[in-house]
Amino acid sequence: MAENETELMLRGYGLTTAELFYRMPDHQLVLNSFIWQEYDLAPDYPKLFEFIEFWQTEIEGPLHSVRFVHRKMIAANEWRNVVQEFTLH
C-alpha cells in the first residue's frame, strides 16, 4: 500500500531535491541538467542513491555532478491529533 506524503513526513522523511548535471551522449562537451524530487530519509538518502545507481546503469548520458538539498517538512513533535471540529454558521 502506497503511503501518502503526510504519513511519510511523520515517519521522518523529508523532501529531497537533486539537480543532476550530465554530459550529452553525442556531445560530451555539452552539460545538461535534470531535476529529481522525492521524499527520502536523511542522512543516508537511500532513494536518491538508488536513483543515481539507476542513472549510471540505464541512462546513456554520464553524470558530471549532483547537488541536492533536503528539508524536513514536519517533525513528529510538531503534529497534533485533532479530536473535535466546530462548525460556525
Protein backbone atom coordinates (compact mmCIF):
# COMPACT_ATOMS: atom_id res chain seq x y z
CA MET A 1 0.00 0.00 0.00
CA ALA A 2 1.41 3.38 -1.01
CA GLU A 3 1.85 5.88 1.78
CA ASN A 4 0.72 9.45 1.40
CA GLU A 5 3.03 12.41 1.96
CA THR A 6 1.81 13.14 5.48
CA GLU A 7 2.48 9.57 6.63
CA LEU A 8 5.99 9.73 5.18
CA MET A 9 6.71 13.05 6.90
CA LEU A 10 5.51 11.68 10.24
CA ARG A 11 7.92 8.76 9.81
CA GLY A 12 10.86 11.18 9.44
CA TYR A 13 11.04 11.56 5.68
CA GLY A 14 11.87 14.92 4.18
CA LEU A 15 11.65 16.34 0.70
CA THR A 16 14.89 15.84 -1.22
CA THR A 17 15.52 17.79 -4.40
CA ALA A 18 18.53 16.94 -6.56
CA GLU A 19 19.95 18.56 -9.66
CA LEU A 20 21.93 16.12 -11.75
CA PHE A 21 24.36 17.51 -14.31
CA TYR A 22 25.19 15.11 -17.12
CA ARG A 23 27.01 15.11 -20.42
CA MET A 24 25.02 14.68 -23.61
CA PRO A 25 25.80 11.24 -25.12
CA ASP A 26 26.56 12.59 -28.61
CA HIS A 27 28.13 15.88 -27.49
CA GLN A 28 30.39 15.23 -24.49
CA LEU A 29 31.28 18.92 -24.11
CA VAL A 30 27.63 19.89 -23.54
CA LEU A 31 26.27 19.71 -19.99
CA ASN A 32 22.57 19.37 -19.35
CA SER A 33 20.65 19.20 -16.08
CA PHE A 34 17.84 17.07 -14.72
CA ILE A 35 15.79 17.81 -11.58
CA TRP A 36 14.71 14.91 -9.36
CA GLN A 37 12.46 15.23 -6.28
CA GLU A 38 11.29 12.58 -3.82
CA TYR A 39 10.65 12.04 -0.11
CA ASP A 40 13.77 10.47 1.38
CA LEU A 41 15.46 9.73 4.71
CA ALA A 42 18.50 11.74 5.79
CA PRO A 43 21.42 11.19 6.28
CA ASP A 44 21.64 8.01 4.15
CA TYR A 45 19.33 9.11 1.29
CA PRO A 46 18.52 5.58 0.04
CA LYS A 47 16.10 6.71 -2.69
CA LEU A 48 18.50 9.32 -4.05
CA PHE A 49 21.39 6.88 -4.27
CA GLU A 50 19.10 4.25 -5.80
CA PHE A 51 18.17 6.76 -8.50
CA ILE A 52 21.83 7.67 -9.10
CA GLU A 53 22.71 3.97 -9.49
CA PHE A 54 19.79 3.57 -11.91
CA TRP A 55 21.05 6.55 -13.92
CA GLN A 56 24.57 5.18 -14.12
CA THR A 57 23.42 1.77 -15.36
CA GLU A 58 20.45 2.67 -17.58
CA ILE A 59 20.95 6.20 -18.94
CA GLU A 60 23.48 6.94 -21.67
CA GLY A 61 24.43 10.43 -20.50
CA PRO A 62 27.31 10.10 -17.99
CA LEU A 63 26.88 12.07 -14.77
CA HIS A 64 29.13 15.08 -14.26
CA SER A 65 27.94 16.10 -10.78
CA VAL A 66 24.97 16.02 -8.42
CA ARG A 67 23.90 18.63 -5.92
CA PHE A 68 20.95 18.23 -3.58
CA VAL A 69 19.07 19.77 -0.69
CA HIS A 70 16.94 18.05 1.94
CA ARG A 71 14.19 19.64 4.01
CA LYS A 72 12.08 18.03 6.71
CA MET A 73 8.64 19.50 6.22
CA ILE A 74 7.20 18.32 9.53
CA ALA A 75 8.53 16.51 12.56
CA ALA A 76 6.59 14.10 14.74
CA ASN A 77 6.71 16.52 17.68
CA GLU A 78 5.03 19.22 15.57
CA TRP A 79 1.95 17.14 14.77
CA ARG A 80 -1.25 17.26 16.84
CA ASN A 81 -4.20 14.92 16.65
CA VAL A 82 -7.40 17.00 16.48
CA VAL A 83 -10.34 15.16 18.02
CA GLN A 84 -13.08 17.76 17.68
CA GLU A 85 -14.29 20.06 14.97
CA PHE A 86 -16.62 23.05 15.36
CA THR A 87 -18.73 24.47 12.58
CA LEU A 88 -19.86 28.10 12.76
CA HIS A 89 -22.94 29.24 10.87
